[in-house]
Amino acid sequence: MRVGIEGREFPWRSRADGFIHGPCRTPAHVLVRFLDRESVLLNLETEQYFGLDETGTRMWQLVTASPNIDAAYQELLAEFDVEPELLRSNLMELLGRLVDSGLLQVLPADVGTAPAV
């Protein structure tokens, strides 16, 4: 069942342009195992786990491998036959659940960049 995201705050979402920014990483306390095309993420600190189907696994793979969430979103748009807003909504919902469960960290968009001199 899909849960709506109206009114929910996502710190990695820019209010100005509506795009989602920032790189993602899997925290050190999270164990990830792949089972065929699905995956299980286990938070070793809370012993809470999260199962991802094939689509959720692909979303997770791209957000953790891409330089930012928007790049992962663009790749997903190219791979899946889906309306852009539906994909954005589903991706935001998944990321929110993973972050809330301590299974994913979304870093600020400027992490890893050198400040201008």
PDB file of N, CA and C in Angstrom:
ATOM      1  N   MET A   1       0.834  -1.176   0.000  1.00  0.00           N
ATOM      2  CA  MET A   1       0.000   0.000   0.000  1.00  0.00           C
ATOM      3  C   MET A   1       0.882   1.244   0.000  1.00  0.00           C
ATOM      4  N   ARG A   2       0.548   2.208  -0.830  1.00  0.00           N
ATOM      5  CA  ARG A   2       1.287   3.451  -0.930  1.00  0.00           C
ATOM      6  C   ARG A   2       0.707   4.472   0.029  1.00  0.00           C
ATOM      7  N   VAL A   3       1.564   5.181   0.720  1.00  0.00           N
ATOM      8  CA  VAL A   3       1.137   6.188   1.675  1.00  0.00           C
ATOM      9  C   VAL A   3       1.408   7.558   1.080  1.00  0.00           C
ATOM     10  N   GLY A   4       0.460   8.475   1.199  1.00  0.00           N
ATOM     11  CA  GLY A   4       0.626   9.827   0.670  1.00  0.00           C
ATOM     12  C   GLY A   4       1.716  10.587   1.403  1.00  0.00           C
ATOM     13  N   ILE A   5       2.252  11.614   0.736  1.00  0.00           N
ATOM     14  CA  ILE A   5       3.332  12.387   1.337  1.00  0.00           C
ATOM     15  C   ILE A   5       2.962  13.859   1.497  1.00  0.00           C
ATOM     16  N   GLU A   6       1.707  14.209   1.325  1.00  0.00           N
ATOM     17  CA  GLU A   6       1.308  15.597   1.445  1.00  0.00           C
ATOM     18  C   GLU A   6       1.660  16.133   2.827  1.00  0.00           C
ATOM     19  N   GLY A   7       2.253  17.312   2.857  1.00  0.00           N
ATOM     20  CA  GLY A   7       2.580  17.951   4.118  1.00  0.00           C
ATOM     21  C   GLY A   7       3.858  17.468   4.760  1.00  0.00           C
ATOM     22  N   ARG A   8       4.498  16.480   4.223  1.00  0.00           N
ATOM     23  CA  ARG A   8       5.723  15.940   4.809  1.00  0.00           C
ATOM     24  C   ARG A   8       6.916  16.766   4.346  1.00  0.00           C
ATOM     25  N   GLU A   9       7.835  17.051   5.247  1.00  0.00           N
ATOM     26  CA  GLU A   9       9.027  17.821   4.926  1.00  0.00           C
ATOM     27  C   GLU A   9      10.179  16.885   4.565  1.00  0.00           C
ATOM     28  N   PHE A  10      10.813  17.147   3.452  1.00  0.00           N
ATOM     29  CA  PHE A  10      11.994  16.411   3.028  1.00  0.00           C
ATOM     30  C   PHE A  10      13.148  17.393   2.996  1.00  0.00           C
ATOM     31  N   PRO A  11      14.109  17.273   3.919  1.00  0.00           N
ATOM     32  CA  PRO A  11      15.177  18.260   4.002  1.00  0.00           C
ATOM     33  C   PRO A  11      16.050  18.322   2.755  1.00  0.00           C
ATOM     34  N   TRP A  12      16.045  17.309   1.926  1.00  0.00           N
ATOM     35  CA  TRP A  12      16.890  17.304   0.743  1.00  0.00           C
ATOM     36  C   TRP A  12      16.170  17.855  -0.474  1.00  0.00           C
ATOM     37  N   ARG A  13      14.966  18.345  -0.320  1.00  0.00           N
ATOM     38  CA  ARG A  13      14.210  18.873  -1.454  1.00  0.00           C
ATOM     39  C   ARG A  13      14.288  20.389  -1.456  1.00  0.00           C
ATOM     40  N   SER A  14      14.651  20.941  -2.588  1.00  0.00           N
ATOM     41  CA  SER A  14      14.722  22.390  -2.727  1.00  0.00           C
ATOM     42  C   SER A  14      13.310  22.937  -2.900  1.00  0.00           C
ATOM     43  N   ARG A  15      12.946  23.894  -2.103  1.00  0.00           N
ATOM     44  CA  ARG A  15      11.617  24.496  -2.220  1.00  0.00           C
ATOM     45  C   ARG A  15      11.504  25.357  -3.472  1.00  0.00           C
ATOM     46  N   ALA A  16      12.632  25.901  -3.936  1.00  0.00           N
ATOM     47  CA  ALA A  16      12.607  26.830  -5.056  1.00  0.00           C
ATOM     48  C   ALA A  16      12.261  26.158  -6.383  1.00  0.00           C
ATOM     49  N   ASP A  17      12.925  25.060  -6.701  1.00  0.00           N
ATOM     50  CA  ASP A  17      12.710  24.468  -8.022  1.00  0.00           C
ATOM     51  C   ASP A  17      11.982  23.131  -7.992  1.00  0.00           C
ATOM     52  N   GLY A  18      11.742  22.578  -6.797  1.00  0.00           N
ATOM     53  CA  GLY A  18      11.020  21.322  -6.712  1.00  0.00           C
ATOM     54  C   GLY A  18      11.866  20.088  -6.988  1.00  0.00           C
ATOM     55  N   PHE A  19      13.123  20.272  -7.417  1.00  0.00           N
ATOM     56  CA  PHE A  19      13.986  19.134  -7.663  1.00  0.00           C
ATOM     57  C   PHE A  19      14.567  18.633  -6.353  1.00  0.00           C
ATOM     58  N   ILE A  20      15.001  17.410  -6.379  1.00  0.00           N
ATOM     59  CA  ILE A  20      15.585  16.808  -5.194  1.00  0.00           C
ATOM     60  C   ILE A  20      17.092  16.704  -5.380  1.00  0.00           C
ATOM     61  N   HIS A  21      17.841  17.114  -4.371  1.00  0.00           N
ATOM     62  CA  HIS A  21      19.290  17.218  -4.473  1.00  0.00           C
ATOM     63  C   HIS A  21      19.970  16.447  -3.351  1.00  0.00           C
ATOM     64  N   GLY A  22      21.277  16.338  -3.443  1.00  0.00           N
ATOM     65  CA  GLY A  22      22.082  15.753  -2.386  1.00  0.00           C
ATOM     66  C   GLY A  22      22.417  14.299  -2.655  1.00  0.00           C
ATOM     67  N   PRO A  23      23.647  13.899  -2.324  1.00  0.00           N
ATOM     68  CA  PRO A  23      24.034  12.491  -2.456  1.00  0.00           C
ATOM     69  C   PRO A  23      23.475  11.665  -1.297  1.00  0.00           C
ATOM     70  N   CYS A  24      23.350  10.387  -1.527  1.00  0.00           N
ATOM     71  CA  CYS A  24      22.877   9.461  -0.489  1.00  0.00           C
ATOM     72  C   CYS A  24      23.975   8.456  -0.198  1.00  0.00           C
ATOM     73  N   ARG A  25      23.958   7.969   1.035  1.00  0.00           N
ATOM     74  CA  ARG A  25      24.884   6.897   1.373  1.00  0.00           C
ATOM     75  C   ARG A  25      24.204   5.953   2.357  1.00  0.00           C
ATOM     76  N   THR A  26      24.706   4.736   2.379  1.00  0.00           N
ATOM     77  CA  THR A  26      24.213   3.736   3.316  1.00  0.00           C
ATOM     78  C   THR A  26      25.067   3.841   4.579  1.00  0.00           C
ATOM     79  N   PRO A  27      24.442   4.056   5.733  1.00  0.00           N
ATOM     80  CA  PRO A  27      25.215   4.156   6.976  1.00  0.00           C
ATOM     81  C   PRO A  27      25.986   2.864   7.263  1.00  0.00           C
ATOM     82  N   ALA A  28      27.069   2.986   8.014  1.00  0.00           N
ATOM     83  CA  ALA A  28      27.913   1.832   8.343  1.00  0.00           C
ATOM     84  C   ALA A  28      27.159   0.769   9.137  1.00  0.00           C
ATOM     85  N   HIS A  29      26.118   1.167   9.867  1.00  0.00           N
ATOM     86  CA  HIS A  29      25.375   0.213  10.689  1.00  0.00           C
ATOM     87  C   HIS A  29      24.254  -0.496   9.917  1.00  0.00           C
ATOM     88  N   VAL A  30      24.265  -0.377   8.595  1.00  0.00           N
ATOM     89  CA  VAL A  30      23.234  -1.014   7.769  1.00  0.00           C
ATOM     90  C   VAL A  30      23.854  -2.127   6.946  1.00  0.00           C
ATOM     91  N   LEU A  31      23.246  -3.283   7.029  1.00  0.00           N
ATOM     92  CA  LEU A  31      23.658  -4.456   6.266  1.00  0.00           C
ATOM     93  C   LEU A  31      22.688  -4.609   5.103  1.00  0.00           C
ATOM     94  N   VAL A  32      23.223  -4.788   3.896  1.00  0.00           N
ATOM     95  CA  VAL A  32      22.396  -4.923   2.695  1.00  0.00           C
ATOM     96  C   VAL A  32      22.672  -6.279   2.070  1.00  0.00           C
ATOM     97  N   ARG A  33      21.605  -6.999   1.760  1.00  0.00           N
ATOM     98  CA  ARG A  33      21.729  -8.292   1.086  1.00  0.00           C
ATOM     99  C   ARG A  33      20.760  -8.330  -0.083  1.00  0.00           C
ATOM    100  N   PHE A  34      21.265  -8.866  -1.206  1.00  0.00           N
ATOM    101  CA  PHE A  34      20.450  -8.986  -2.404  1.00  0.00           C
ATOM    102  C   PHE A  34      19.967 -10.419  -2.546  1.00  0.00           C
ATOM    103  N   LEU A  35      18.713 -10.564  -2.901  1.00  0.00           N
ATOM    104  CA  LEU A  35      18.088 -11.866  -3.137  1.00  0.00           C
ATOM    105  C   LEU A  35      17.430 -11.791  -4.507  1.00  0.00           C
ATOM    106  N   ASP A  36      18.086 -12.374  -5.498  1.00  0.00           N
ATOM    107  CA  ASP A  36      17.666 -12.218  -6.887  1.00  0.00           C
ATOM    108  C   ASP A  36      17.654 -10.730  -7.214  1.00  0.00           C
ATOM    109  N   ARG A  37      16.514 -10.185  -7.573  1.00  0.00           N
ATOM    110  CA  ARG A  37      16.435  -8.752  -7.908  1.00  0.00           C
ATOM    111  C   ARG A  37      15.840  -7.921  -6.782  1.00  0.00           C
ATOM    112  N   GLU A  38      15.657  -8.519  -5.641  1.00  0.00           N
ATOM    113  CA  GLU A  38      15.126  -7.819  -4.479  1.00  0.00           C
ATOM    114  C   GLU A  38      16.239  -7.664  -3.452  1.00  0.00           C
ATOM    115  N   SER A  39      15.967  -6.898  -2.404  1.00  0.00           N
ATOM    116  CA  SER A  39      16.994  -6.692  -1.387  1.00  0.00           C
ATOM    117  C   SER A  39      16.367  -6.542  -0.010  1.00  0.00           C
ATOM    118  N   VAL A  40      17.214  -6.751   0.988  1.00  0.00           N
ATOM    119  CA  VAL A  40      16.825  -6.552   2.384  1.00  0.00           C
ATOM    120  C   VAL A  40      17.867  -5.648   3.011  1.00  0.00           C
ATOM    121  N   LEU A  41      17.413  -4.600   3.694  1.00  0.00           N
ATOM    122  CA  LEU A  41      18.294  -3.681   4.407  1.00  0.00           C
ATOM    123  C   LEU A  41      18.021  -3.869   5.892  1.00  0.00           C
ATOM    124  N   LEU A  42      19.072  -4.099   6.670  1.00  0.00           N
ATOM    125  CA  LEU A  42      18.938  -4.334   8.099  1.00  0.00           C
ATOM    126  C   LEU A  42      19.713  -3.275   8.868  1.00  0.00           C
ATOM    127  N   ASN A  43      19.025  -2.564   9.755  1.00  0.00           N
ATOM    128  CA  ASN A  43      19.662  -1.609  10.643  1.00  0.00           C
ATOM    129  C   ASN A  43      20.163  -2.408  11.844  1.00  0.00           C
ATOM    130  N   LEU A  44      21.477  -2.561  11.960  1.00  0.00           N
ATOM    131  CA  LEU A  44      22.049  -3.381  13.025  1.00  0.00           C
ATOM    132  C   LEU A  44      21.886  -2.751  14.404  1.00  0.00           C
ATOM    133  N   GLU A  45      21.686  -1.434  14.458  1.00  0.00           N
ATOM    134  CA  GLU A  45      21.491  -0.756  15.741  1.00  0.00           C
ATOM    135  C   GLU A  45      20.090  -0.977  16.301  1.00  0.00           C
ATOM    136  N   THR A  46      19.083  -0.955  15.435  1.00  0.00           N
ATOM    137  CA  THR A  46      17.691  -1.090  15.894  1.00  0.00           C
ATOM    138  C   THR A  46      17.109  -2.471  15.623  1.00  0.00           C
ATOM    139  N   GLU A  47      17.836  -3.272  14.838  1.00  0.00           N
ATOM    140  CA  GLU A  47      17.377  -4.590  14.397  1.00  0.00           C
ATOM    141  C   GLU A  47      16.109  -4.499  13.552  1.00  0.00           C
ATOM    142  N   GLN A  48      15.868  -3.354  12.969  1.00  0.00           N
ATOM    143  CA  GLN A  48      14.729  -3.141  12.075  1.00  0.00           C
ATOM    144  C   GLN A  48      15.184  -3.431  10.648  1.00  0.00           C
ATOM    145  N   TYR A  49      14.361  -4.153   9.891  1.00  0.00           N
ATOM    146  CA  TYR A  49      14.726  -4.441   8.512  1.00  0.00           C
ATOM    147  C   TYR A  49      13.655  -3.936   7.567  1.00  0.00           C
ATOM    148  N   PHE A  50      14.050  -3.818   6.313  1.00  0.00           N
ATOM    149  CA  PHE A  50      13.193  -3.261   5.285  1.00  0.00           C
ATOM    150  C   PHE A  50      13.415  -4.068   4.027  1.00  0.00           C
ATOM    151  N   GLY A  51      12.385  -4.672   3.483  1.00  0.00           N
ATOM    152  CA  GLY A  51      12.483  -5.429   2.249  1.00  0.00           C
ATOM    153  C   GLY A  51      12.097  -4.565   1.064  1.00  0.00           C
ATOM    154  N   LEU A  52      12.888  -4.638   0.000  1.00  0.00           N
ATOM    155  CA  LEU A  52      12.605  -3.875  -1.206  1.00  0.00           C
ATOM    156  C   LEU A  52      12.327  -4.818  -2.368  1.00  0.00           C
ATOM    157  N   ASP A  53      11.281  -4.528  -3.118  1.00  0.00           N
ATOM    158  CA  ASP A  53      11.002  -5.314  -4.317  1.00  0.00           C
ATOM    159  C   ASP A  53      11.979  -4.890  -5.415  1.00  0.00           C
ATOM    160  N   GLU A  54      11.798  -5.405  -6.610  1.00  0.00           N
ATOM    161  CA  GLU A  54      12.728  -5.134  -7.705  1.00  0.00           C
ATOM    162  C   GLU A  54      12.842  -3.634  -8.015  1.00  0.00           C
ATOM    163  N   THR A  55      11.723  -2.936  -8.057  1.00  0.00           N
ATOM    164  CA  THR A  55      11.740  -1.506  -8.357  1.00  0.00           C
ATOM    165  C   THR A  55      12.379  -0.717  -7.221  1.00  0.00           C
ATOM    166  N   GLY A  56      12.022  -1.028  -5.977  1.00  0.00           N
ATOM    167  CA  GLY A  56      12.615  -0.357  -4.832  1.00  0.00           C
ATOM    168  C   GLY A  56      14.111  -0.594  -4.750  1.00  0.00           C
ATOM    169  N   THR A  57      14.535  -1.810  -5.078  1.00  0.00           N
ATOM    170  CA  THR A  57      15.962  -2.130  -5.082  1.00  0.00           C
ATOM    171  C   THR A  57      16.691  -1.297  -6.123  1.00  0.00           C
ATOM    172  N   ARG A  58      16.096  -1.164  -7.304  1.00  0.00           N
ATOM    173  CA  ARG A  58      16.733  -0.357  -8.346  1.00  0.00           C
ATOM    174  C   ARG A  58      16.818   1.104  -7.919  1.00  0.00           C
ATOM    175  N   MET A  59      15.768   1.621  -7.294  1.00  0.00           N
ATOM    176  CA  MET A  59      15.804   2.996  -6.794  1.00  0.00           C
ATOM    177  C   MET A  59      16.933   3.157  -5.788  1.00  0.00           C
ATOM    178  N   TRP A  60      17.033   2.225  -4.840  1.00  0.00           N
ATOM    179  CA  TRP A  60      18.083   2.286  -3.818  1.00  0.00           C
ATOM    180  C   TRP A  60      19.469   2.227  -4.466  1.00  0.00           C
ATOM    181  N   GLN A  61      19.660   1.322  -5.429  1.00  0.00           N
ATOM    182  CA  GLN A  61      20.957   1.198  -6.094  1.00  0.00           C
ATOM    183  C   GLN A  61      21.362   2.510  -6.755  1.00  0.00           C
ATOM    184  N   LEU A  62      20.418   3.139  -7.436  1.00  0.00           N
ATOM    185  CA  LEU A  62      20.752   4.369  -8.145  1.00  0.00           C
ATOM    186  C   LEU A  62      20.991   5.539  -7.202  1.00  0.00           C
ATOM    187  N   VAL A  63      20.191   5.693  -6.155  1.00  0.00           N
ATOM    188  CA  VAL A  63      20.409   6.843  -5.262  1.00  0.00           C
ATOM    189  C   VAL A  63      21.710   6.705  -4.479  1.00  0.00           C
ATOM    190  N   THR A  64      22.138   5.486  -4.198  1.00  0.00           N
ATOM    191  CA  THR A  64      23.393   5.317  -3.449  1.00  0.00           C
ATOM    192  C   THR A  64      24.619   5.346  -4.366  1.00  0.00           C
ATOM    193  N   ALA A  65      24.433   5.195  -5.672  1.00  0.00           N
ATOM    194  CA  ALA A  65      25.554   5.203  -6.608  1.00  0.00           C
ATOM    195  C   ALA A  65      25.680   6.527  -7.367  1.00  0.00           C
ATOM    196  N   SER A  66      24.636   7.331  -7.382  1.00  0.00           N
ATOM    197  CA  SER A  66      24.627   8.575  -8.154  1.00  0.00           C
ATOM    198  C   SER A  66      25.209   9.733  -7.346  1.00  0.00           C
ATOM    199  N   PRO A  67      25.680  10.760  -8.035  1.00  0.00           N
ATOM    200  CA  PRO A  67      26.243  11.919  -7.322  1.00  0.00           C
ATOM    201  C   PRO A  67      25.197  12.705  -6.539  1.00  0.00           C
ATOM    202  N   ASN A  68      23.929  12.565  -6.916  1.00  0.00           N
ATOM    203  CA  ASN A  68      22.844  13.226  -6.193  1.00  0.00           C
ATOM    204  C   ASN A  68      21.521  12.544  -6.533  1.00  0.00           C
ATOM    205  N   ILE A  69      20.500  12.890  -5.795  1.00  0.00           N
ATOM    206  CA  ILE A  69      19.199  12.249  -5.967  1.00  0.00           C
ATOM    207  C   ILE A  69      18.596  12.585  -7.320  1.00  0.00           C
ATOM    208  N   ASP A  70      18.790  13.816  -7.783  1.00  0.00           N
ATOM    209  CA  ASP A  70      18.226  14.200  -9.067  1.00  0.00           C
ATOM    210  C   ASP A  70      18.811  13.371 -10.205  1.00  0.00           C
ATOM    211  N   ALA A  71      20.108  13.060 -10.148  1.00  0.00           N
ATOM    212  CA  ALA A  71      20.722  12.216 -11.177  1.00  0.00           C
ATOM    213  C   ALA A  71      20.104  10.820 -11.169  1.00  0.00           C
ATOM    214  N   ALA A  72      19.859  10.291  -9.981  1.00  0.00           N
ATOM    215  CA  ALA A  72      19.207   8.981  -9.873  1.00  0.00           C
ATOM    216  C   ALA A  72      17.790   9.052 -10.437  1.00  0.00           C
ATOM    217  N   TYR A  73      17.073  10.125 -10.120  1.00  0.00           N
ATOM    218  CA  TYR A  73      15.718  10.331 -10.624  1.00  0.00           C
ATOM    219  C   TYR A  73      15.711  10.360 -12.153  1.00  0.00           C
ATOM    220  N   GLN A  74      16.654  11.075 -12.745  1.00  0.00           N
ATOM    221  CA  GLN A  74      16.722  11.162 -14.217  1.00  0.00           C
ATOM    222  C   GLN A  74      17.000   9.789 -14.825  1.00  0.00           C
ATOM    223  N   GLU A  75      17.868   9.011 -14.202  1.00  0.00           N
ATOM    224  CA  GLU A  75      18.162   7.662 -14.691  1.00  0.00           C
ATOM    225  C   GLU A  75      16.928   6.761 -14.586  1.00  0.00           C
ATOM    226  N   LEU A  76      16.209   6.879 -13.481  1.00  0.00           N
ATOM    227  CA  LEU A  76      14.976   6.094 -13.316  1.00  0.00           C
ATOM    228  C   LEU A  76      13.944   6.462 -14.369  1.00  0.00           C
ATOM    229  N   LEU A  77      13.830   7.749 -14.684  1.00  0.00           N
ATOM    230  CA  LEU A  77      12.912   8.191 -15.739  1.00  0.00           C
ATOM    231  C   LEU A  77      13.258   7.540 -17.074  1.00  0.00           C
ATOM    232  N   ALA A  78      14.558   7.400 -17.342  1.00  0.00           N
ATOM    233  CA  ALA A  78      14.992   6.786 -18.590  1.00  0.00           C
ATOM    234  C   ALA A  78      14.736   5.276 -18.605  1.00  0.00           C
ATOM    235  N   GLU A  79      14.790   4.642 -17.441  1.00  0.00           N
ATOM    236  CA  GLU A  79      14.643   3.187 -17.361  1.00  0.00           C
ATOM    237  C   GLU A  79      13.194   2.708 -17.301  1.00  0.00           C
ATOM    238  N   PHE A  80      12.322   3.489 -16.652  1.00  0.00           N
ATOM    239  CA  PHE A  80      10.961   3.041 -16.410  1.00  0.00           C
ATOM    240  C   PHE A  80       9.953   3.867 -17.197  1.00  0.00           C
ATOM    241  N   ASP A  81       8.898   3.216 -17.644  1.00  0.00           N
ATOM    242  CA  ASP A  81       7.799   3.883 -18.330  1.00  0.00           C
ATOM    243  C   ASP A  81       6.822   4.366 -17.261  1.00  0.00           C
ATOM    244  N   VAL A  82       7.035   5.595 -16.789  1.00  0.00           N
ATOM    245  CA  VAL A  82       6.263   6.119 -15.671  1.00  0.00           C
ATOM    246  C   VAL A  82       6.121   7.630 -15.822  1.00  0.00           C
ATOM    247  N   GLU A  83       5.029   8.172 -15.328  1.00  0.00           N
ATOM    248  CA  GLU A  83       4.850   9.626 -15.314  1.00  0.00           C
ATOM    249  C   GLU A  83       5.869  10.238 -14.364  1.00  0.00           C
ATOM    250  N   PRO A  84       6.513  11.333 -14.757  1.00  0.00           N
ATOM    251  CA  PRO A  84       7.547  11.945 -13.911  1.00  0.00           C
ATOM    252  C   PRO A  84       7.089  12.263 -12.488  1.00  0.00           C
ATOM    253  N   GLU A  85       5.908  12.815 -12.317  1.00  0.00           N
ATOM    254  CA  GLU A  85       5.453  13.176 -10.965  1.00  0.00           C
ATOM    255  C   GLU A  85       5.161  11.945 -10.113  1.00  0.00           C
ATOM    256  N   LEU A  86       4.666  10.874 -10.729  1.00  0.00           N
ATOM    257  CA  LEU A  86       4.429   9.637  -9.982  1.00  0.00           C
ATOM    258  C   LEU A  86       5.760   9.043  -9.530  1.00  0.00           C
ATOM    259  N   LEU A  87       6.752   9.048 -10.410  1.00  0.00           N
ATOM    260  CA  LEU A  87       8.076   8.551 -10.037  1.00  0.00           C
ATOM    261  C   LEU A  87       8.655   9.400  -8.918  1.00  0.00           C
ATOM    262  N   ARG A  88       8.582  10.715  -9.039  1.00  0.00           N
ATOM    263  CA  ARG A  88       9.123  11.604  -8.011  1.00  0.00           C
ATOM    264  C   ARG A  88       8.456  11.323  -6.667  1.00  0.00           C
ATOM    265  N   SER A  89       7.138  11.171  -6.683  1.00  0.00           N
ATOM    266  CA  SER A  89       6.395  10.905  -5.454  1.00  0.00           C
ATOM    267  C   SER A  89       6.809   9.568  -4.836  1.00  0.00           C
ATOM    268  N   ASN A  90       6.902   8.533  -5.652  1.00  0.00           N
ATOM    269  CA  ASN A  90       7.286   7.210  -5.149  1.00  0.00           C
ATOM    270  C   ASN A  90       8.722   7.204  -4.634  1.00  0.00           C
ATOM    271  N   LEU A  91       9.619   7.884  -5.348  1.00  0.00           N
ATOM    272  CA  LEU A  91      11.011   7.950  -4.915  1.00  0.00           C
ATOM    273  C   LEU A  91      11.121   8.713  -3.601  1.00  0.00           C
ATOM    274  N   MET A  92      10.431   9.830  -3.485  1.00  0.00           N
ATOM    275  CA  MET A  92      10.468  10.616  -2.248  1.00  0.00           C
ATOM    276  C   MET A  92       9.913   9.808  -1.076  1.00  0.00           C
ATOM    277  N   GLU A  93       8.838   9.070  -1.312  1.00  0.00           N
ATOM    278  CA  GLU A  93       8.244   8.257  -0.254  1.00  0.00           C
ATOM    279  C   GLU A  93       9.216   7.178   0.205  1.00  0.00           C
ATOM    280  N   LEU A  94       9.851   6.491  -0.744  1.00  0.00           N
ATOM    281  CA  LEU A  94      10.818   5.451  -0.388  1.00  0.00           C
ATOM    282  C   LEU A  94      11.993   6.050   0.386  1.00  0.00           C
ATOM    283  N   LEU A  95      12.546   7.145  -0.113  1.00  0.00           N
ATOM    284  CA  LEU A  95      13.677   7.764   0.573  1.00  0.00           C
ATOM    285  C   LEU A  95      13.283   8.211   1.975  1.00  0.00           C
ATOM    286  N   GLY A  96      12.103   8.775   2.114  1.00  0.00           N
ATOM    287  CA  GLY A  96      11.635   9.191   3.437  1.00  0.00           C
ATOM    288  C   GLY A  96      11.544   8.034   4.405  1.00  0.00           C
ATOM    289  N   ARG A  97      11.010   6.914   3.951  1.00  0.00           N
ATOM    290  CA  ARG A  97      10.899   5.741   4.816  1.00  0.00           C
ATOM    291  C   ARG A  97      12.268   5.183   5.198  1.00  0.00           C
ATOM    292  N   LEU A  98      13.183   5.149   4.229  1.00  0.00           N
ATOM    293  CA  LEU A  98      14.523   4.642   4.511  1.00  0.00           C
ATOM    294  C   LEU A  98      15.264   5.551   5.484  1.00  0.00           C
ATOM    295  N   VAL A  99      15.154   6.859   5.278  1.00  0.00           N
ATOM    296  CA  VAL A  99      15.797   7.809   6.187  1.00  0.00           C
ATOM    297  C   VAL A  99      15.193   7.682   7.584  1.00  0.00           C
ATOM    298  N   ASP A 100      13.864   7.636   7.675  1.00  0.00           N
ATOM    299  CA  ASP A 100      13.187   7.517   8.969  1.00  0.00           C
ATOM    300  C   ASP A 100      13.594   6.245   9.712  1.00  0.00           C
ATOM    301  N   SER A 101      13.913   5.194   8.960  1.00  0.00           N
ATOM    302  CA  SER A 101      14.306   3.913   9.564  1.00  0.00           C
ATOM    303  C   SER A 101      15.803   3.826   9.825  1.00  0.00           C
ATOM    304  N   GLY A 102      16.538   4.883   9.517  1.00  0.00           N
ATOM    305  CA  GLY A 102      17.981   4.878   9.729  1.00  0.00           C
ATOM    306  C   GLY A 102      18.737   4.017   8.736  1.00  0.00           C
ATOM    307  N   LEU A 103      18.127   3.750   7.588  1.00  0.00           N
ATOM    308  CA  LEU A 103      18.723   2.871   6.591  1.00  0.00           C
ATOM    309  C   LEU A 103      19.400   3.623   5.454  1.00  0.00           C
ATOM    310  N   LEU A 104      19.255   4.945   5.447  1.00  0.00           N
ATOM    311  CA  LEU A 104      19.827   5.769   4.391  1.00  0.00           C
ATOM    312  C   LEU A 104      20.100   7.149   4.957  1.00  0.00           C
ATOM    313  N   GLN A 105      21.194   7.745   4.518  1.00  0.00           N
ATOM    314  CA  GLN A 105      21.511   9.122   4.883  1.00  0.00           C
ATOM    315  C   GLN A 105      21.513   9.955   3.615  1.00  0.00           C
ATOM    316  N   VAL A 106      20.857  11.105   3.673  1.00  0.00           N
ATOM    317  CA  VAL A 106      20.883  12.053   2.569  1.00  0.00           C
ATOM    318  C   VAL A 106      21.746  13.221   3.015  1.00  0.00           C
ATOM    319  N   LEU A 107      22.827  13.426   2.296  1.00  0.00           N
ATOM    320  CA  LEU A 107      23.776  14.467   2.653  1.00  0.00           C
ATOM    321  C   LEU A 107      23.393  15.784   1.983  1.00  0.00           C
ATOM    322  N   PRO A 108      23.821  16.903   2.549  1.00  0.00           N
ATOM    323  CA  PRO A 108      23.564  18.192   1.894  1.00  0.00           C
ATOM    324  C   PRO A 108      24.176  18.206   0.495  1.00  0.00           C
ATOM    325  N   ALA A 109      23.589  18.978  -0.391  1.00  0.00           N
ATOM    326  CA  ALA A 109      24.032  19.006  -1.782  1.00  0.00           C
ATOM    327  C   ALA A 109      25.465  19.472  -1.950  1.00  0.00           C
ATOM    328  N   ASP A 110      25.993  20.248  -0.997  1.00  0.00           N
ATOM    329  CA  ASP A 110      27.342  20.779  -1.145  1.00  0.00           C
ATOM    330  C   ASP A 110      28.420  19.932  -0.469  1.00  0.00           C
ATOM    331  N   VAL A 111      28.072  18.759   0.047  1.00  0.00           N
ATOM    332  CA  VAL A 111      29.077  17.891   0.665  1.00  0.00           C
ATOM    333  C   VAL A 111      30.039  17.402  -0.411  1.00  0.00           C
ATOM    334  N   GLY A 112      31.321  17.510  -0.111  1.00  0.00           N
ATOM    335  CA  GLY A 112      32.326  17.031  -1.045  1.00  0.00           C
ATOM    336  C   GLY A 112      32.761  18.077  -2.056  1.00  0.00           C
ATOM    337  N   THR A 113      32.232  19.284  -1.974  1.00  0.00           N
ATOM    338  CA  THR A 113      32.652  20.330  -2.884  1.00  0.00           C
ATOM    339  C   THR A 113      33.514  21.330  -2.133  1.00  0.00           C
ATOM    340  N   ALA A 114      34.469  21.872  -2.819  1.00  0.00           N
ATOM    341  CA  ALA A 114      35.360  22.864  -2.201  1.00  0.00           C
ATOM    342  C   ALA A 114      34.694  24.227  -2.253  1.00  0.00           C
ATOM    343  N   PRO A 115      34.812  25.003  -1.175  1.00  0.00           N
ATOM    344  CA  PRO A 115      34.225  26.336  -1.193  1.00  0.00           C
ATOM    345  C   PRO A 115      34.953  27.245  -2.167  1.00  0.00           C
ATOM    346  N   ALA A 116      34.227  28.205  -2.734  1.00  0.00           N
ATOM    347  CA  ALA A 116      34.829  29.158  -3.656  1.00  0.00           C
ATOM    348  C   ALA A 116      35.799  30.052  -2.907  1.00  0.00           C
ATOM    349  N   VAL A 117      36.900  30.405  -3.544  1.00  0.00           N
ATOM    350  CA  VAL A 117      37.909  31.257  -2.909  1.00  0.00           C
ATOM    351  C   VAL A 117      37.718  32.681  -3.345  1.00  0.00           C
TER     352      VAL A 117
END
